[in-house]
Amino acid sequence: MKRAVILLSGGLDSAVALWLAKSEGYEVYSLSFFYGQKHDKELKAAEALALAAGVKKHRVVSINIDQWGGSSLTDKDMKVEDGDIDRTDIPVTYVPARNMIFLSIAASYAEAIAAQSIFIGVSQADYSGYVDCREPFISSMEQTINEGTVMAAEHKKPIKIHAPFINKTKSEEIRLGARLGVPFGLTWSCYRGGEKPCGKCDSCLLRARAFNEAGIIDESL
């Protein structure tokens, strides 16, 4: 069976990516990260999603990039600001080069288990100012991975980065996820991580708008 590594944050995008990979016949291996974020709500959600999806193996990698801060998600001296879904600037929740780091580690894992596919749920349509969610970055990372792995460079078995939602909106993702049977109630999106979603951060606002546009009830609320 063909294998795929799924970058599973515990949020909406990665959950739909996981169920999509399963629907396409992949044996799935999920990969989550503790990178020094201020709460573990998404990691717990990722674990629940992996269990519900019946993944072959779920791993959590610790990299602690909070050591140098630079993001309100990791820096204890920075607060997660209230959201503005119409913003044009880069939000303080952007974690420097996060997807570059995640994809590099995913490539190492993929090569170790002979998986030629990596799934990531990024979208440049709803990318919130995160530059590492754009198609040029994904294409560039795929090329770099295939220049720097023996599996691709020597054995001619290239690794493909699948970003199936790169040109889709979150509402389109949600409709797809509903058709695939994604348990949205298990996902977590809020940046602040309380007992319940705050409803005010960028991620909460984008999620609420997307479910409203999709005409689907958010089971997590």
C-alpha atoms as a PDB file:
ATOM      1  CA  MET A   1       0.000   0.000   0.000  1.00  0.00           C
ATOM      2  CA  LYS A   2       1.219   3.510  -0.794  1.00  0.00           C
ATOM      3  CA  ARG A   3       2.209   5.505   2.299  1.00  0.00           C
ATOM      4  CA  ALA A   4       1.739   9.149   3.246  1.00  0.00           C
ATOM      5  CA  VAL A   5       2.963  11.357   6.075  1.00  0.00           C
ATOM      6  CA  ILE A   6       0.254  13.778   7.217  1.00  0.00           C
ATOM      7  CA  LEU A   7       1.187  16.983   9.028  1.00  0.00           C
ATOM      8  CA  LEU A   8      -1.547  16.841  11.666  1.00  0.00           C
ATOM      9  CA  SER A   9      -1.879  19.949  13.813  1.00  0.00           C
ATOM     10  CA  GLY A  10      -5.285  19.069  15.224  1.00  0.00           C
ATOM     11  CA  GLY A  11      -6.981  21.907  13.365  1.00  0.00           C
ATOM     12  CA  LEU A  12      -9.520  21.923  10.549  1.00  0.00           C
ATOM     13  CA  ASP A  13      -7.178  21.927   7.572  1.00  0.00           C
ATOM     14  CA  SER A  14      -4.987  19.058   8.676  1.00  0.00           C
ATOM     15  CA  ALA A  15      -7.978  16.956   9.723  1.00  0.00           C
ATOM     16  CA  VAL A  16      -9.555  17.221   6.280  1.00  0.00           C
ATOM     17  CA  ALA A  17      -6.162  16.489   4.693  1.00  0.00           C
ATOM     18  CA  LEU A  18      -5.905  13.315   6.799  1.00  0.00           C
ATOM     19  CA  TRP A  19      -9.353  12.062   5.804  1.00  0.00           C
ATOM     20  CA  LEU A  20      -8.676  12.954   2.168  1.00  0.00           C
ATOM     21  CA  ALA A  21      -5.457  10.918   2.146  1.00  0.00           C
ATOM     22  CA  LYS A  22      -7.326   7.978   3.664  1.00  0.00           C
ATOM     23  CA  SER A  23     -10.041   8.268   1.012  1.00  0.00           C
ATOM     24  CA  GLU A  24      -7.351   8.109  -1.675  1.00  0.00           C
ATOM     25  CA  GLY A  25      -6.089   4.777  -0.381  1.00  0.00           C
ATOM     26  CA  TYR A  26      -2.969   5.839   1.509  1.00  0.00           C
ATOM     27  CA  GLU A  27      -1.606   4.087   4.575  1.00  0.00           C
ATOM     28  CA  VAL A  28      -1.316   7.168   6.758  1.00  0.00           C
ATOM     29  CA  TYR A  29       1.332   8.183   9.292  1.00  0.00           C
ATOM     30  CA  SER A  30       0.500  11.362  11.188  1.00  0.00           C
ATOM     31  CA  LEU A  31       3.094  13.793  12.494  1.00  0.00           C
ATOM     32  CA  SER A  32       2.449  16.528  15.067  1.00  0.00           C
ATOM     33  CA  PHE A  33       4.795  18.984  16.747  1.00  0.00           C
ATOM     34  CA  PHE A  34       5.335  20.419  20.161  1.00  0.00           C
ATOM     35  CA  TYR A  35       7.270  23.510  19.150  1.00  0.00           C
ATOM     36  CA  GLY A  36       6.916  25.474  22.369  1.00  0.00           C
ATOM     37  CA  GLN A  37       3.361  26.666  21.833  1.00  0.00           C
ATOM     38  CA  LYS A  38       1.604  28.024  24.908  1.00  0.00           C
ATOM     39  CA  HIS A  39      -1.051  25.293  25.106  1.00  0.00           C
ATOM     40  CA  ASP A  40      -1.488  21.672  24.076  1.00  0.00           C
ATOM     41  CA  LYS A  41      -5.123  21.765  22.946  1.00  0.00           C
ATOM     42  CA  GLU A  42      -4.250  21.142  19.300  1.00  0.00           C
ATOM     43  CA  LEU A  43      -1.892  18.290  20.215  1.00  0.00           C
ATOM     44  CA  LYS A  44      -4.663  16.589  22.174  1.00  0.00           C
ATOM     45  CA  ALA A  45      -6.991  17.150  19.225  1.00  0.00           C
ATOM     46  CA  ALA A  46      -4.412  15.659  16.854  1.00  0.00           C
ATOM     47  CA  GLU A  47      -4.129  12.554  19.021  1.00  0.00           C
ATOM     48  CA  ALA A  48      -7.922  12.137  19.042  1.00  0.00           C
ATOM     49  CA  LEU A  49      -8.110  12.623  15.278  1.00  0.00           C
ATOM     50  CA  ALA A  50      -5.334  10.103  14.643  1.00  0.00           C
ATOM     51  CA  LEU A  51      -7.171   7.555  16.765  1.00  0.00           C
ATOM     52  CA  ALA A  52     -10.493   8.232  15.017  1.00  0.00           C
ATOM     53  CA  ALA A  53      -8.879   7.946  11.590  1.00  0.00           C
ATOM     54  CA  GLY A  54      -7.061   4.726  12.444  1.00  0.00           C
ATOM     55  CA  VAL A  55      -3.644   5.975  11.351  1.00  0.00           C
ATOM     56  CA  LYS A  56      -0.820   3.465  11.151  1.00  0.00           C
ATOM     57  CA  LYS A  57       1.392   5.521  13.494  1.00  0.00           C
ATOM     58  CA  HIS A  58       0.996   8.892  15.197  1.00  0.00           C
ATOM     59  CA  ARG A  59       4.146  10.701  16.310  1.00  0.00           C
ATOM     60  CA  VAL A  60       4.725  13.937  18.220  1.00  0.00           C
ATOM     61  CA  VAL A  61       8.087  15.645  17.650  1.00  0.00           C
ATOM     62  CA  SER A  62       9.469  18.238  20.095  1.00  0.00           C
ATOM     63  CA  ILE A  63      11.566  21.022  18.605  1.00  0.00           C
ATOM     64  CA  ASN A  64      11.101  23.936  21.050  1.00  0.00           C
ATOM     65  CA  ILE A  65      11.472  26.857  18.673  1.00  0.00           C
ATOM     66  CA  ASP A  66      10.034  29.009  21.451  1.00  0.00           C
ATOM     67  CA  GLN A  67      13.665  29.461  22.541  1.00  0.00           C
ATOM     68  CA  TRP A  68      13.927  32.504  20.291  1.00  0.00           C
ATOM     69  CA  GLY A  69      10.258  33.551  20.288  1.00  0.00           C
ATOM     70  CA  GLY A  70       9.106  35.874  17.549  1.00  0.00           C
ATOM     71  CA  SER A  71       5.470  34.781  17.680  1.00  0.00           C
ATOM     72  CA  SER A  72       2.620  35.333  20.119  1.00  0.00           C
ATOM     73  CA  LEU A  73       1.970  31.578  19.963  1.00  0.00           C
ATOM     74  CA  THR A  74       5.346  30.805  21.552  1.00  0.00           C
ATOM     75  CA  ASP A  75       6.673  33.996  23.172  1.00  0.00           C
ATOM     76  CA  LYS A  76       5.446  34.437  26.757  1.00  0.00           C
ATOM     77  CA  ASP A  77       6.058  38.187  26.496  1.00  0.00           C
ATOM     78  CA  MET A  78       3.678  38.538  23.558  1.00  0.00           C
ATOM     79  CA  LYS A  79      -0.113  38.354  23.723  1.00  0.00           C
ATOM     80  CA  VAL A  80      -2.385  36.768  21.136  1.00  0.00           C
ATOM     81  CA  GLU A  81      -4.242  39.774  19.792  1.00  0.00           C
ATOM     82  CA  ASP A  82      -7.923  39.877  18.919  1.00  0.00           C
ATOM     83  CA  GLY A  83      -8.503  38.888  15.334  1.00  0.00           C
ATOM     84  CA  ASP A  84      -9.063  40.920  12.199  1.00  0.00           C
ATOM     85  CA  ILE A  85      -9.943  38.683   9.269  1.00  0.00           C
ATOM     86  CA  ASP A  86      -9.614  41.622   6.877  1.00  0.00           C
ATOM     87  CA  ARG A  87      -6.046  42.445   7.939  1.00  0.00           C
ATOM     88  CA  THR A  88      -3.375  43.054   5.291  1.00  0.00           C
ATOM     89  CA  ASP A  89      -0.319  42.879   7.559  1.00  0.00           C
ATOM     90  CA  ILE A  90       1.458  39.784   8.909  1.00  0.00           C
ATOM     91  CA  PRO A  91      -0.186  38.794  12.228  1.00  0.00           C
ATOM     92  CA  VAL A  92       1.877  38.330  15.394  1.00  0.00           C
ATOM     93  CA  THR A  93       0.730  34.689  15.466  1.00  0.00           C
ATOM     94  CA  TYR A  94       3.027  33.922  12.507  1.00  0.00           C
ATOM     95  CA  VAL A  95       5.718  31.496  13.726  1.00  0.00           C
ATOM     96  CA  PRO A  96       9.003  32.162  11.855  1.00  0.00           C
ATOM     97  CA  ALA A  97       9.611  29.510   9.159  1.00  0.00           C
ATOM     98  CA  ARG A  98       7.339  26.998  10.920  1.00  0.00           C
ATOM     99  CA  ASN A  99       6.136  25.144   7.832  1.00  0.00           C
ATOM    100  CA  MET A 100       9.664  25.022   6.467  1.00  0.00           C
ATOM    101  CA  ILE A 101      10.758  23.259   9.646  1.00  0.00           C
ATOM    102  CA  PHE A 102       7.741  20.950   9.712  1.00  0.00           C
ATOM    103  CA  LEU A 103       8.121  19.910   6.078  1.00  0.00           C
ATOM    104  CA  SER A 104      11.832  19.244   6.517  1.00  0.00           C
ATOM    105  CA  ILE A 105      11.139  16.894   9.417  1.00  0.00           C
ATOM    106  CA  ALA A 106       8.264  15.297   7.514  1.00  0.00           C
ATOM    107  CA  ALA A 107      10.636  14.649   4.614  1.00  0.00           C
ATOM    108  CA  SER A 108      13.077  12.878   6.939  1.00  0.00           C
ATOM    109  CA  TYR A 109      10.264  10.740   8.335  1.00  0.00           C
ATOM    110  CA  ALA A 110       8.885  10.024   4.864  1.00  0.00           C
ATOM    111  CA  GLU A 111      12.262   8.855   3.590  1.00  0.00           C
ATOM    112  CA  ALA A 112      12.765   6.655   6.656  1.00  0.00           C
ATOM    113  CA  ILE A 113       9.487   4.809   6.057  1.00  0.00           C
ATOM    114  CA  ALA A 114       9.656   4.905   2.235  1.00  0.00           C
ATOM    115  CA  ALA A 115       6.653   7.197   1.879  1.00  0.00           C
ATOM    116  CA  GLN A 116       6.546   9.242  -1.316  1.00  0.00           C
ATOM    117  CA  SER A 117       3.768  11.585  -0.198  1.00  0.00           C
ATOM    118  CA  ILE A 118       3.480  14.332   2.396  1.00  0.00           C
ATOM    119  CA  PHE A 119       0.110  15.998   2.997  1.00  0.00           C
ATOM    120  CA  ILE A 120      -0.150  19.528   4.375  1.00  0.00           C
ATOM    121  CA  GLY A 121      -3.419  21.452   4.744  1.00  0.00           C
ATOM    122  CA  VAL A 122      -2.259  24.952   3.811  1.00  0.00           C
ATOM    123  CA  SER A 123      -4.282  27.403   1.725  1.00  0.00           C
ATOM    124  CA  GLN A 124      -3.144  30.605   0.049  1.00  0.00           C
ATOM    125  CA  ALA A 125      -6.785  31.651  -0.342  1.00  0.00           C
ATOM    126  CA  ASP A 126      -7.248  31.868   3.450  1.00  0.00           C
ATOM    127  CA  TYR A 127      -3.611  32.067   4.465  1.00  0.00           C
ATOM    128  CA  SER A 128      -3.979  34.864   7.045  1.00  0.00           C
ATOM    129  CA  GLY A 129      -0.759  36.529   5.939  1.00  0.00           C
ATOM    130  CA  TYR A 130       1.359  33.420   6.570  1.00  0.00           C
ATOM    131  CA  VAL A 131       3.908  33.429   3.756  1.00  0.00           C
ATOM    132  CA  ASP A 132       4.707  29.728   4.228  1.00  0.00           C
ATOM    133  CA  CYS A 133       1.179  28.780   3.151  1.00  0.00           C
ATOM    134  CA  ARG A 134       1.620  29.894  -0.466  1.00  0.00           C
ATOM    135  CA  GLU A 135       2.026  27.740  -3.567  1.00  0.00           C
ATOM    136  CA  PRO A 136       5.490  29.093  -4.547  1.00  0.00           C
ATOM    137  CA  PHE A 137       6.828  28.078  -1.127  1.00  0.00           C
ATOM    138  CA  ILE A 138       5.319  24.573  -1.333  1.00  0.00           C
ATOM    139  CA  SER A 139       6.751  24.030  -4.834  1.00  0.00           C
ATOM    140  CA  SER A 140      10.165  25.266  -3.743  1.00  0.00           C
ATOM    141  CA  MET A 141      10.190  23.007  -0.664  1.00  0.00           C
ATOM    142  CA  GLU A 142       9.263  19.973  -2.758  1.00  0.00           C
ATOM    143  CA  GLN A 143      12.155  20.672  -5.124  1.00  0.00           C
ATOM    144  CA  THR A 144      14.575  21.132  -2.216  1.00  0.00           C
ATOM    145  CA  ILE A 145      13.423  17.912  -0.539  1.00  0.00           C
ATOM    146  CA  ASN A 146      13.978  15.967  -3.735  1.00  0.00           C
ATOM    147  CA  GLU A 147      17.446  17.448  -4.180  1.00  0.00           C
ATOM    148  CA  GLY A 148      18.391  16.477  -0.626  1.00  0.00           C
ATOM    149  CA  THR A 149      17.028  12.959  -0.119  1.00  0.00           C
ATOM    150  CA  VAL A 150      18.641   9.734  -1.284  1.00  0.00           C
ATOM    151  CA  MET A 151      15.250   8.257  -2.089  1.00  0.00           C
ATOM    152  CA  ALA A 152      14.648  10.952  -4.687  1.00  0.00           C
ATOM    153  CA  ALA A 153      18.119  11.945  -5.871  1.00  0.00           C
ATOM    154  CA  GLU A 154      19.612   8.442  -6.083  1.00  0.00           C
ATOM    155  CA  HIS A 155      16.719   5.962  -6.163  1.00  0.00           C
ATOM    156  CA  LYS A 156      14.510   8.123  -8.407  1.00  0.00           C
ATOM    157  CA  LYS A 157      11.542   7.891  -6.042  1.00  0.00           C
ATOM    158  CA  PRO A 158      10.607  11.554  -5.552  1.00  0.00           C
ATOM    159  CA  ILE A 159       8.612  12.795  -2.589  1.00  0.00           C
ATOM    160  CA  LYS A 160       5.468  14.723  -3.471  1.00  0.00           C
ATOM    161  CA  ILE A 161       4.094  17.454  -1.205  1.00  0.00           C
ATOM    162  CA  HIS A 162       0.323  17.340  -1.501  1.00  0.00           C
ATOM    163  CA  ALA A 163      -1.327  20.663  -0.658  1.00  0.00           C
ATOM    164  CA  PRO A 164      -4.859  19.852  -1.849  1.00  0.00           C
ATOM    165  CA  PHE A 165      -6.412  23.038  -0.446  1.00  0.00           C
ATOM    166  CA  ILE A 166      -3.786  25.474  -1.695  1.00  0.00           C
ATOM    167  CA  ASN A 167      -6.359  27.292  -3.861  1.00  0.00           C
ATOM    168  CA  LYS A 168      -9.454  26.428  -1.833  1.00  0.00           C
ATOM    169  CA  THR A 169     -11.201  28.448   0.852  1.00  0.00           C
ATOM    170  CA  LYS A 170     -11.887  27.049   4.303  1.00  0.00           C
ATOM    171  CA  SER A 171     -15.578  26.795   3.480  1.00  0.00           C
ATOM    172  CA  GLU A 172     -14.739  24.578   0.501  1.00  0.00           C
ATOM    173  CA  GLU A 173     -12.539  22.447   2.761  1.00  0.00           C
ATOM    174  CA  ILE A 174     -15.353  22.110   5.285  1.00  0.00           C
ATOM    175  CA  ARG A 175     -17.813  20.950   2.639  1.00  0.00           C
ATOM    176  CA  LEU A 176     -15.277  18.368   1.468  1.00  0.00           C
ATOM    177  CA  GLY A 177     -14.615  17.295   5.048  1.00  0.00           C
ATOM    178  CA  ALA A 178     -18.331  16.853   5.658  1.00  0.00           C
ATOM    179  CA  ARG A 179     -18.561  14.550   2.636  1.00  0.00           C
ATOM    180  CA  LEU A 180     -15.568  12.556   3.895  1.00  0.00           C
ATOM    181  CA  GLY A 181     -17.008  12.232   7.399  1.00  0.00           C
ATOM    182  CA  VAL A 182     -14.410  14.325   9.238  1.00  0.00           C
ATOM    183  CA  PRO A 183     -15.348  14.567  12.955  1.00  0.00           C
ATOM    184  CA  PHE A 184     -15.092  18.354  13.177  1.00  0.00           C
ATOM    185  CA  GLY A 185     -16.020  18.223  16.839  1.00  0.00           C
ATOM    186  CA  LEU A 186     -12.602  16.725  17.590  1.00  0.00           C
ATOM    187  CA  THR A 187     -10.673  19.582  15.958  1.00  0.00           C
ATOM    188  CA  TRP A 188      -9.265  22.643  17.703  1.00  0.00           C
ATOM    189  CA  SER A 189      -8.456  25.981  16.064  1.00  0.00           C
ATOM    190  CA  CYS A 190      -8.332  28.630  18.813  1.00  0.00           C
ATOM    191  CA  TYR A 191      -4.940  30.277  19.329  1.00  0.00           C
ATOM    192  CA  ARG A 192      -5.635  30.979  22.997  1.00  0.00           C
ATOM    193  CA  GLY A 193      -6.359  27.456  24.162  1.00  0.00           C
ATOM    194  CA  GLY A 194      -8.871  27.888  26.990  1.00  0.00           C
ATOM    195  CA  GLU A 195     -11.507  25.373  27.995  1.00  0.00           C
ATOM    196  CA  LYS A 196     -13.593  26.616  25.068  1.00  0.00           C
ATOM    197  CA  PRO A 197     -12.579  28.551  21.923  1.00  0.00           C
ATOM    198  CA  CYS A 198     -12.270  32.279  22.603  1.00  0.00           C
ATOM    199  CA  GLY A 199     -14.234  33.258  19.495  1.00  0.00           C
ATOM    200  CA  LYS A 200     -12.107  36.391  19.069  1.00  0.00           C
ATOM    201  CA  CYS A 201      -8.692  35.412  17.698  1.00  0.00           C
ATOM    202  CA  ASP A 202      -7.985  35.293  13.946  1.00  0.00           C
ATOM    203  CA  SER A 203      -8.296  31.519  13.836  1.00  0.00           C
ATOM    204  CA  CYS A 204     -11.654  31.474  15.624  1.00  0.00           C
ATOM    205  CA  LEU A 205     -13.024  34.219  13.383  1.00  0.00           C
ATOM    206  CA  LEU A 206     -11.849  32.510  10.183  1.00  0.00           C
ATOM    207  CA  ARG A 207     -13.317  29.210  11.366  1.00  0.00           C
ATOM    208  CA  ALA A 208     -16.678  30.763  12.242  1.00  0.00           C
ATOM    209  CA  ARG A 209     -16.902  32.537   8.893  1.00  0.00           C
ATOM    210  CA  ALA A 210     -16.002  29.357   7.006  1.00  0.00           C
ATOM    211  CA  PHE A 211     -18.620  27.197   8.718  1.00  0.00           C
ATOM    212  CA  ASN A 212     -21.204  29.915   8.132  1.00  0.00           C
ATOM    213  CA  GLU A 213     -20.303  30.141   4.435  1.00  0.00           C
ATOM    214  CA  ALA A 214     -20.384  26.348   4.138  1.00  0.00           C
ATOM    215  CA  GLY A 215     -23.801  26.202   5.757  1.00  0.00           C
ATOM    216  CA  ILE A 216     -22.621  23.560   8.219  1.00  0.00           C
ATOM    217  CA  ILE A 217     -22.884  23.577  12.007  1.00  0.00           C
ATOM    218  CA  ASP A 218     -19.550  23.603  13.856  1.00  0.00           C
ATOM    219  CA  GLU A 219     -19.743  20.556  16.137  1.00  0.00           C
ATOM    220  CA  SER A 220     -16.948  21.860  18.376  1.00  0.00           C
ATOM    221  CA  LEU A 221     -19.087  24.702  19.792  1.00  0.00           C
END
